[in-house]
């Protein structure tokens, strides 16, 4: 591995780590030498993955985290800092979606999606920023956004609005926090196959979406490894306010 991608001695906290991309990232970071804190609401899967990482020589812990609750965010950070001393990397990955056309979206669904995908990411990023600024060692915050924050698709208005806002918030935080040596960047994935969407993407309707992707395939979680390791490591020491699109060319084909 290119030495600048080495995360040995650093600690990464990953939200939404009980499944999907977040769970995969926890293993990616552990393989790169980082201490890992898996954070999510479903602690059973967090414990299993932390034990799995430990069994292969990695160093991992878990923290129950509801990103929509400031008290829960504070508790997760307190536990993580007590365990590892400090947090160097935060991946804002927790997110949910609601499939309804805009005329049918209920207020409760709108609030639920925005509270998790935008407010939750803000609460976690703010807590990370305060921690990194106070100890004067800087760090890296990585927001997981989406190509749906930049292109139009029906039926996902709250999700698209939240991801577009988080994409822009990334640049605002990067501008404000650069003075503290805190880098804030984002990754915008396209269609990435996980347990949550596997059935849909393998369905006839899902397979039609492949035609819009120049590479003619859906992504796998490991296709995001290069981007996330770049942004987490010293290899991106002069990058902040950037969004890396990882989508097989999908976004470009729709412009």
Foldseek 3Di string as FASTA:
>chain_A
DPVQLAQALAEEEEEPCLWDLNVVVQLLNQVSHYEYEYEEQPVVSVVVSQVVSVVVPGHYYYAYADLLDLVRLVVSLVVVCVVRVAHAEYELDWFDFFFDFPVPDDPVRLCVRLSRLAVSLVSNVVVNLVRLLVVLPAHEYEYEAACLLVDDDGRTVSNNVSRVVVLVVQLVCQVVRVVSLYAGEYEHEYAEDIPVCPVVCPDPVNQVCLVLAPVSDGHYSVLCSVVVSCRRGCVVSVDHSYYHYRYNCNSVSRD
